């Protein structure tokens, strides 16, 4: 391997590190973490100041790669432990193929930590070579609120033709200009029609509840709360409030330009949190992220904790209202919130299934993550997924 070295940046060092790095780095240097992410992670309630937060690969003093480590809570019954989530991971273009990325992960694993990773196919392949353990994929859903891919008659005809040609052993994958033009022509009326129908369902499911937007969620449990999983990556109110106070993504108009490989700015981005009351009783909260970029708008249904009698329809109804008000093209949902949509003839065809594969390394055969691994219930907001 080439003459590369590594450096550990700890949680408590992040704000000073990035300020010094930006002051001294050349204009084209890669950025290993943005100032807003550094500030946020320095306040992570799951982290200690001396926890590793960033591993740097150096060549002649220049940063040529990095691996982000995000401490998260693991709850197993009554025990809460710390696990490190492999977050950002990059080798600079000039050193790719020379083992820098693998070296960074090997360095992280040498620290003797319980670690978890999710990522693309390349990430998964490298992780397997490093001896990770895997579980079945976590399945979540997105709801197409425009309907153009389903109800555009030209797309329907094109789909039928493609199937017929496929049966004859031929391929047909060209998307014609006329199909795209029909998408644009139908998008607004279809979007309005679907939104009107979904708004009616949502209003009926939320009848009798008082809903208020809030900057922070309460740290008290709701009335008759739903039971928590036996083992999960735990996001108590203190973690959710930390996310609300320190977003990683900024609206593009107020964000500086960085040579940063991961999401740090969108045309629009914000979190929206709500409390729900039934009469005078607090019955829970729900949190969403609202994004807009490149002409597309989407909403993610993130953390929630409600009275068990209100689930899942109340959270789904609020998610639909938020998405419609945001004029979202897409609504992303955890599996339990998608269940009512699977049963409805209007929304079932608009749902798409997505999968997230979890890979893990255990600090020891009896470490907290090793003991909980086979019993873990995965969630939509695990690790760093809720922040972007």
Protein backbone atom coordinates (compact mmCIF):
# COMPACT_ATOMS: atom_id res chain seq x y z
CA UNK A 1 0.00 0.00 0.00
CA UNK A 2 1.10 3.57 -0.59
CA UNK A 3 2.44 5.64 2.29
CA UNK A 4 -0.85 6.74 3.84
CA UNK A 5 -1.43 7.56 7.49
CA UNK A 6 -4.58 7.99 9.54
CA UNK A 7 -5.82 10.47 12.10
CA UNK A 8 -8.73 10.22 14.51
CA UNK A 9 -10.84 13.33 15.12
CA UNK A 10 -12.93 12.98 18.25
CA UNK A 11 -16.42 14.34 18.89
CA UNK A 12 -15.26 17.17 21.14
CA UNK A 13 -12.67 18.26 18.57
CA UNK A 14 -15.01 18.53 15.57
CA UNK A 15 -15.91 22.28 15.62
CA UNK A 16 -12.31 23.43 16.10
CA UNK A 17 -11.01 20.87 13.60
CA UNK A 18 -13.28 21.99 10.76
CA UNK A 19 -12.67 25.69 11.44
CA UNK A 20 -8.89 25.14 11.25
CA UNK A 21 -9.24 22.91 8.21
CA UNK A 22 -11.29 25.46 6.26
CA UNK A 23 -8.82 28.21 7.17
CA UNK A 24 -5.82 26.29 5.86
CA UNK A 25 -7.07 23.99 3.09
CA UNK A 26 -6.59 24.89 -0.59
CA UNK A 27 -9.76 25.79 -2.53
CA UNK A 28 -10.05 22.39 -4.25
CA UNK A 29 -9.45 20.29 -1.14
CA UNK A 30 -12.10 17.73 -0.23
CA UNK A 31 -14.12 18.57 2.86
CA UNK A 32 -14.35 15.69 5.37
CA UNK A 33 -17.27 17.22 7.30
CA UNK A 34 -19.29 20.42 6.99
CA UNK A 35 -19.41 23.01 9.77
CA UNK A 36 -23.12 22.35 10.41
CA UNK A 37 -22.55 18.59 10.70
CA UNK A 38 -19.55 19.18 12.99
CA UNK A 39 -21.58 21.46 15.24
CA UNK A 40 -24.48 19.01 15.32
CA UNK A 41 -22.36 15.97 16.10
CA UNK A 42 -20.52 17.83 18.86
CA UNK A 43 -23.91 18.05 20.62
CA UNK A 44 -24.94 14.41 19.98
CA UNK A 45 -26.58 13.15 23.22
CA UNK A 46 -25.42 9.61 22.43
CA UNK A 47 -21.76 10.69 22.20
CA UNK A 48 -18.97 11.44 24.64
CA UNK A 49 -16.37 14.11 23.86
CA UNK A 50 -13.63 11.47 23.42
CA UNK A 51 -15.60 9.21 21.07
CA UNK A 52 -14.13 8.89 17.56
CA UNK A 53 -16.19 10.90 15.10
CA UNK A 54 -14.06 11.11 11.96
CA UNK A 55 -11.17 9.05 10.60
CA UNK A 56 -8.92 10.81 8.11
CA UNK A 57 -6.59 9.27 5.54
CA UNK A 58 -3.56 11.51 4.97
CA UNK A 59 -0.92 11.63 2.26
CA UNK A 60 1.90 14.15 2.79
CA UNK A 61 -0.35 15.97 5.24
CA UNK A 62 -3.26 16.25 2.76
CA UNK A 63 -6.64 14.67 3.52
CA UNK A 64 -7.29 12.08 0.80
CA UNK A 65 -10.12 10.15 2.44
CA UNK A 66 -12.42 10.01 5.43
CA UNK A 67 -14.89 7.84 7.32
CA UNK A 68 -17.58 9.31 9.57
CA UNK A 69 -18.54 7.55 12.81
CA UNK A 70 -21.84 8.50 14.44
CA UNK A 71 -22.50 7.24 17.99
CA UNK A 72 -26.11 6.05 18.41
CA UNK A 73 -28.05 4.39 21.22
CA UNK A 74 -28.78 0.67 21.21
CA UNK A 75 -31.59 -0.38 23.55
CA UNK A 76 -31.93 -4.04 24.47
CA UNK A 77 -34.64 -4.52 27.08
CA UNK A 78 -33.69 -2.24 29.96
CA UNK A 79 -30.05 -1.82 28.88
CA UNK A 80 -28.90 1.12 26.71
CA UNK A 81 -25.47 0.88 25.04
CA UNK A 82 -23.47 2.77 22.42
CA UNK A 83 -23.01 1.67 18.83
CA UNK A 84 -21.06 3.47 16.09
CA UNK A 85 -22.82 4.02 12.77
CA UNK A 86 -20.58 4.18 9.70
CA UNK A 87 -21.79 7.40 8.11
CA UNK A 88 -19.87 9.25 5.35
CA UNK A 89 -17.10 7.32 3.55
CA UNK A 90 -14.94 8.67 0.72
CA UNK A 91 -11.57 8.28 -0.97
CA UNK A 92 -10.45 11.26 -3.06
CA UNK A 93 -10.45 10.63 -6.84
CA UNK A 94 -6.66 10.74 -7.09
CA UNK A 95 -6.23 7.80 -4.65
CA UNK A 96 -9.17 5.57 -5.56
CA UNK A 97 -8.25 1.96 -6.13
CA UNK A 98 -5.25 2.20 -3.79
CA UNK A 99 -6.88 0.80 -0.64
CA UNK A 100 -7.63 4.05 1.18
CA UNK A 101 -11.30 3.31 1.83
CA UNK A 102 -10.58 -0.20 3.09
CA UNK A 103 -7.74 1.12 5.29
CA UNK A 104 -10.13 3.57 6.96
CA UNK A 105 -12.66 0.87 7.80
CA UNK A 106 -9.95 -1.46 9.07
CA UNK A 107 -8.71 1.36 11.31
CA UNK A 108 -12.22 1.92 12.65
CA UNK A 109 -12.69 -1.78 13.40
CA UNK A 110 -9.33 -1.89 15.18
CA UNK A 111 -10.80 0.49 17.77
CA UNK A 112 -12.81 -2.39 19.23
CA UNK A 113 -16.25 -0.88 18.69
CA UNK A 114 -19.67 -2.25 17.89
CA UNK A 115 -20.30 -0.86 14.39
CA UNK A 116 -23.14 -0.84 11.86
CA UNK A 117 -23.19 0.13 8.18
CA UNK A 118 -25.77 0.55 5.45
CA UNK A 119 -24.93 1.73 1.97
CA UNK A 120 -24.77 1.12 -1.76
CA UNK A 121 -23.64 -2.07 -3.49
CA UNK A 122 -19.95 -1.03 -3.48
CA UNK A 123 -20.08 -0.33 0.25
CA UNK A 124 -21.72 -3.69 0.89
CA UNK A 125 -19.10 -5.55 -1.14
CA UNK A 126 -16.23 -3.95 0.79
CA UNK A 127 -17.96 -4.64 4.10
CA UNK A 128 -18.35 -8.33 3.24
CA UNK A 129 -14.63 -8.60 2.55
CA UNK A 130 -14.06 -7.10 6.01
CA UNK A 131 -16.08 -9.87 7.66
CA UNK A 132 -19.35 -8.12 8.48
CA UNK A 133 -22.47 -9.91 9.69
CA UNK A 134 -25.75 -9.31 7.85
CA UNK A 135 -29.48 -9.49 8.53
CA UNK A 136 -32.46 -9.60 6.18
CA UNK A 137 -33.13 -6.18 4.57
CA UNK A 138 -35.35 -3.58 6.19
CA UNK A 139 -38.25 -2.73 3.87
CA UNK A 140 -39.79 0.74 3.63
CA UNK A 141 -42.04 2.48 1.12
CA UNK A 142 -42.56 5.61 -0.96
CA UNK A 143 -45.92 6.90 -2.17
CA UNK A 144 -46.02 8.59 -5.58
CA UNK A 145 -48.36 11.55 -5.07
CA UNK A 146 -48.36 12.55 -8.75
CA UNK A 147 -49.53 9.30 -10.30
CA UNK A 148 -47.95 10.11 -13.66
CA UNK A 149 -45.98 6.86 -13.85
CA UNK A 150 -49.19 4.89 -13.28
CA UNK A 151 -51.98 6.84 -14.97
CA UNK A 152 -50.21 8.29 -18.02
CA UNK A 153 -51.90 6.38 -20.92
CA UNK A 154 -48.74 6.59 -23.03
CA UNK A 155 -46.76 4.96 -20.22
CA UNK A 156 -49.41 2.24 -19.91
CA UNK A 157 -49.13 1.52 -23.63
CA UNK A 158 -45.35 1.60 -23.48
CA UNK A 159 -45.39 -0.83 -20.55
CA UNK A 160 -47.63 -3.25 -22.46
CA UNK A 161 -45.35 -3.04 -25.51
CA UNK A 162 -42.27 -3.65 -23.40
CA UNK A 163 -43.82 -6.77 -21.86
CA UNK A 164 -44.82 -8.09 -25.27
CA UNK A 165 -41.35 -7.52 -26.69
CA UNK A 166 -39.75 -9.06 -23.61
CA UNK A 167 -41.80 -12.21 -24.18
CA UNK A 168 -40.27 -12.34 -27.68
CA UNK A 169 -36.77 -11.96 -26.24
CA UNK A 170 -36.35 -8.32 -27.24
CA UNK A 171 -35.71 -5.22 -25.13
CA UNK A 172 -37.50 -1.86 -25.18
CA UNK A 173 -36.10 0.71 -22.78
CA UNK A 174 -36.28 4.00 -24.67
CA UNK A 175 -38.36 6.71 -22.98
CA UNK A 176 -39.76 8.82 -25.81
CA UNK A 177 -40.15 12.59 -25.76
CA UNK A 178 -43.92 12.16 -26.12
CA UNK A 179 -44.12 10.08 -22.92
CA UNK A 180 -42.15 12.71 -21.00
CA UNK A 181 -44.31 15.49 -22.45
CA UNK A 182 -47.44 13.63 -21.35
CA UNK A 183 -45.95 13.29 -17.85
CA UNK A 184 -45.55 17.07 -17.66
CA UNK A 185 -49.03 17.70 -19.06
CA UNK A 186 -50.76 15.26 -16.68
CA UNK A 187 -48.67 15.92 -13.56
CA UNK A 188 -50.62 18.89 -12.21
CA UNK A 189 -54.20 17.60 -12.69
CA UNK A 190 -53.30 14.11 -11.46
CA UNK A 191 -51.45 15.53 -8.46
CA UNK A 192 -54.45 17.69 -7.54
CA UNK A 193 -56.92 14.80 -7.94
CA UNK A 194 -54.89 12.38 -5.82
CA UNK A 195 -54.22 15.05 -3.18
CA UNK A 196 -57.93 15.87 -2.86
CA UNK A 197 -58.83 12.21 -2.30
CA UNK A 198 -56.04 11.66 0.23
CA UNK A 199 -56.87 14.89 2.11
CA UNK A 200 -60.42 13.59 2.66
CA UNK A 201 -59.09 10.33 4.14
CA UNK A 202 -56.63 12.21 6.34
CA UNK A 203 -59.27 14.59 7.72
CA UNK A 204 -61.50 11.67 8.72
CA UNK A 205 -58.64 9.84 10.48
CA UNK A 206 -57.64 12.95 12.48
CA UNK A 207 -61.16 13.93 13.52
CA UNK A 208 -61.32 15.03 17.16
CA UNK A 209 -57.57 15.49 17.59
CA UNK A 210 -55.89 18.82 18.32
CA UNK A 211 -52.65 19.15 16.36
CA UNK A 212 -50.05 21.85 17.01
CA UNK A 213 -46.67 22.49 15.41
CA UNK A 214 -43.83 22.63 17.94
CA UNK A 215 -40.07 23.38 17.83
CA UNK A 216 -39.38 20.57 20.33
CA UNK A 217 -41.22 17.41 21.24
CA UNK A 218 -42.20 16.73 24.87
CA UNK A 219 -39.99 14.43 26.90
CA UNK A 220 -42.99 12.82 28.62
CA UNK A 221 -44.65 9.63 27.32
CA UNK A 222 -48.08 9.90 25.68
CA UNK A 223 -51.20 8.37 27.18
CA UNK A 224 -51.40 4.60 26.58
CA UNK A 225 -48.20 4.53 24.50
CA UNK A 226 -47.46 1.80 22.00
CA UNK A 227 -44.98 -0.79 23.30
CA UNK A 228 -41.39 -0.37 22.17
CA UNK A 229 -39.52 -3.19 20.39
CA UNK A 230 -37.50 -5.52 22.60
CA UNK A 231 -34.29 -4.34 20.93
CA UNK A 232 -33.77 -1.37 18.60
CA UNK A 233 -31.55 1.57 17.72
CA UNK A 234 -33.08 3.87 20.30
CA UNK A 235 -34.21 7.43 19.52
CA UNK A 236 -35.64 8.89 22.74
CA UNK A 237 -37.01 12.46 22.75
CA UNK A 238 -33.60 13.90 23.62
CA UNK A 239 -32.20 12.50 20.34
CA UNK A 240 -35.17 13.73 18.29
CA UNK A 241 -34.88 17.22 19.79
CA UNK A 242 -31.15 17.23 19.03
CA UNK A 243 -31.96 16.49 15.36
CA UNK A 244 -34.56 19.29 15.29
CA UNK A 245 -32.15 21.81 16.81
CA UNK A 246 -29.08 20.92 14.74
CA UNK A 247 -30.02 20.00 11.14
CA UNK A 248 -27.28 18.63 8.89
CA UNK A 249 -28.85 19.97 5.69
CA UNK A 250 -29.36 23.70 5.04
CA UNK A 251 -31.53 25.61 2.55
CA UNK A 252 -29.28 26.33 -0.41
CA UNK A 253 -29.84 30.09 -0.30
CA UNK A 254 -28.09 30.32 3.07
CA UNK A 255 -25.50 27.58 2.63
CA UNK A 256 -21.88 28.16 1.60
CA UNK A 257 -20.48 26.13 -1.30
CA UNK A 258 -18.26 23.23 -0.23
CA UNK A 259 -16.41 20.46 -2.06
CA UNK A 260 -18.43 17.94 -0.06
CA UNK A 261 -19.55 14.62 -1.51
CA UNK A 262 -22.65 14.19 0.66
CA UNK A 263 -25.84 16.19 1.09
CA UNK A 264 -25.32 19.46 2.94
CA UNK A 265 -27.77 21.77 1.12
CA UNK A 266 -31.01 21.55 -0.85
CA UNK A 267 -33.18 24.19 -2.50
CA UNK A 268 -35.39 23.87 0.58
CA UNK A 269 -35.08 21.73 3.69
CA UNK A 270 -36.65 21.77 7.15
CA UNK A 271 -38.03 19.57 9.89
CA UNK A 272 -41.62 19.88 11.06
CA UNK A 273 -42.74 18.47 14.42
CA UNK A 274 -46.26 18.21 15.85
CA UNK A 275 -47.89 17.34 19.14
CA UNK A 276 -51.30 15.68 19.24
CA UNK A 277 -53.90 16.01 21.99
CA UNK A 278 -57.21 14.24 22.48
CA UNK A 279 -59.15 16.73 24.54
CA UNK A 280 -56.75 17.67 27.33
CA UNK A 281 -54.68 14.49 27.07
CA UNK A 282 -51.31 14.47 25.35
CA UNK A 283 -51.39 11.46 23.03
CA UNK A 284 -48.10 11.80 21.19
CA UNK A 285 -45.89 13.49 18.61
CA UNK A 286 -44.82 13.08 14.99
CA UNK A 287 -41.84 14.51 13.10
CA UNK A 288 -41.33 14.97 9.35
CA UNK A 289 -38.64 16.28 7.02
CA UNK A 290 -39.59 18.43 4.02
CA UNK A 291 -37.21 18.68 1.05
CA UNK A 292 -37.16 20.33 -2.35
CA UNK A 293 -34.39 20.00 -4.90
CA UNK A 294 -34.06 19.93 -8.67
CA UNK A 295 -37.76 20.60 -9.17
CA UNK A 296 -38.84 17.67 -6.97
CA UNK A 297 -40.43 17.91 -3.53
CA UNK A 298 -40.69 15.12 -0.99
CA UNK A 299 -41.60 14.42 2.62
CA UNK A 300 -40.30 11.75 5.00
CA UNK A 301 -42.34 10.52 7.96
CA UNK A 302 -39.69 10.26 10.67
CA UNK A 303 -40.02 9.79 14.43
CA UNK A 304 -43.37 9.38 16.14
CA UNK A 305 -44.74 8.06 19.42
CA UNK A 306 -48.49 7.92 19.85
CA UNK A 307 -51.14 6.27 21.91
CA UNK A 308 -51.52 2.73 20.58
CA UNK A 309 -55.19 3.26 19.71
CA UNK A 310 -54.25 6.00 17.21
CA UNK A 311 -51.74 3.94 15.23
CA UNK A 312 -51.05 3.76 12.39
CA UNK A 313 -53.80 5.87 10.83
CA UNK A 314 -53.24 9.09 12.80
CA UNK A 315 -49.53 9.35 11.87
CA UNK A 316 -50.22 8.38 8.27
CA UNK A 317 -53.03 10.95 8.06
CA UNK A 318 -50.77 13.69 9.39
CA UNK A 319 -48.02 12.61 6.98
CA UNK A 320 -50.47 12.89 4.07
CA UNK A 321 -51.60 16.36 5.16
CA UNK A 322 -47.99 17.55 5.51
CA UNK A 323 -47.07 16.13 2.09
CA UNK A 324 -50.11 17.67 0.40
CA UNK A 325 -49.48 21.08 2.00
CA UNK A 326 -45.83 20.86 0.85
CA UNK A 327 -47.00 19.94 -2.68
CA UNK A 328 -44.74 16.92 -2.41
CA UNK A 329 -44.24 14.57 -5.33
CA UNK A 330 -43.27 11.71 -3.01
CA UNK A 331 -43.94 10.62 0.59
CA UNK A 332 -41.49 8.19 2.22
CA UNK A 333 -42.87 5.94 4.96
CA UNK A 334 -41.81 3.22 7.39
CA UNK A 335 -43.53 -0.13 6.75
CA UNK A 336 -46.12 0.10 9.52
CA UNK A 337 -47.46 3.41 8.18
CA UNK A 338 -47.73 2.03 4.66
CA UNK A 339 -50.01 -0.86 5.67
CA UNK A 340 -53.33 1.07 5.30
CA UNK A 341 -52.17 2.30 1.87
CA UNK A 342 -51.60 -1.27 0.68
CA UNK A 343 -55.25 -2.07 1.30
CA UNK A 344 -56.70 0.87 -0.63
CA UNK A 345 -57.30 0.56 -4.41
CA UNK A 346 -56.23 4.17 -5.09
CA UNK A 347 -52.95 4.12 -3.19
CA UNK A 348 -51.80 0.51 -3.52
CA UNK A 349 -50.54 0.97 -7.12
CA UNK A 350 -48.76 4.19 -6.11
CA UNK A 351 -46.57 2.49 -3.49
CA UNK A 352 -43.00 1.46 -4.23
CA UNK A 353 -40.94 -0.84 -2.03
CA UNK A 354 -37.34 -0.06 -1.03
CA UNK A 355 -34.80 -2.12 0.91
CA UNK A 356 -31.97 -1.21 3.28
CA UNK A 357 -29.37 -3.84 4.17
CA UNK A 358 -27.72 -3.72 7.61
CA UNK A 359 -24.17 -4.97 8.13
CA UNK A 360 -22.45 -5.16 11.50
CA UNK A 361 -19.17 -5.88 13.27
CA UNK A 362 -19.11 -6.84 16.94
CA UNK A 363 -16.53 -5.56 19.41
CA UNK A 364 -16.57 -9.02 21.02
CA UNK A 365 -18.72 -12.17 20.80
CA UNK A 366 -20.63 -11.04 23.91
CA UNK A 367 -20.77 -7.30 23.10
CA UNK A 368 -24.13 -5.51 23.40
CA UNK A 369 -24.63 -5.46 19.61
CA UNK A 370 -23.67 -9.14 19.26
CA UNK A 371 -26.18 -10.12 21.94
CA UNK A 372 -29.00 -8.00 20.47
CA UNK A 373 -28.31 -8.49 16.75
CA UNK A 374 -30.75 -11.31 15.93
CA UNK A 375 -33.52 -9.67 17.99
CA UNK A 376 -33.10 -6.13 16.65
CA UNK A 377 -36.15 -4.46 15.15
CA UNK A 378 -34.86 -2.08 12.48
CA UNK A 379 -36.49 1.31 11.95
CA UNK A 380 -36.86 3.98 9.29
CA UNK A 381 -34.82 6.53 11.30
CA UNK A 382 -31.91 4.30 12.28
CA UNK A 383 -28.43 5.80 12.40
CA UNK A 384 -27.97 8.87 10.22
CA UNK A 385 -30.88 8.16 7.87
CA UNK A 386 -33.30 10.66 9.45
CA UNK A 387 -30.97 13.64 9.03
CA UNK A 388 -31.06 13.88 5.22
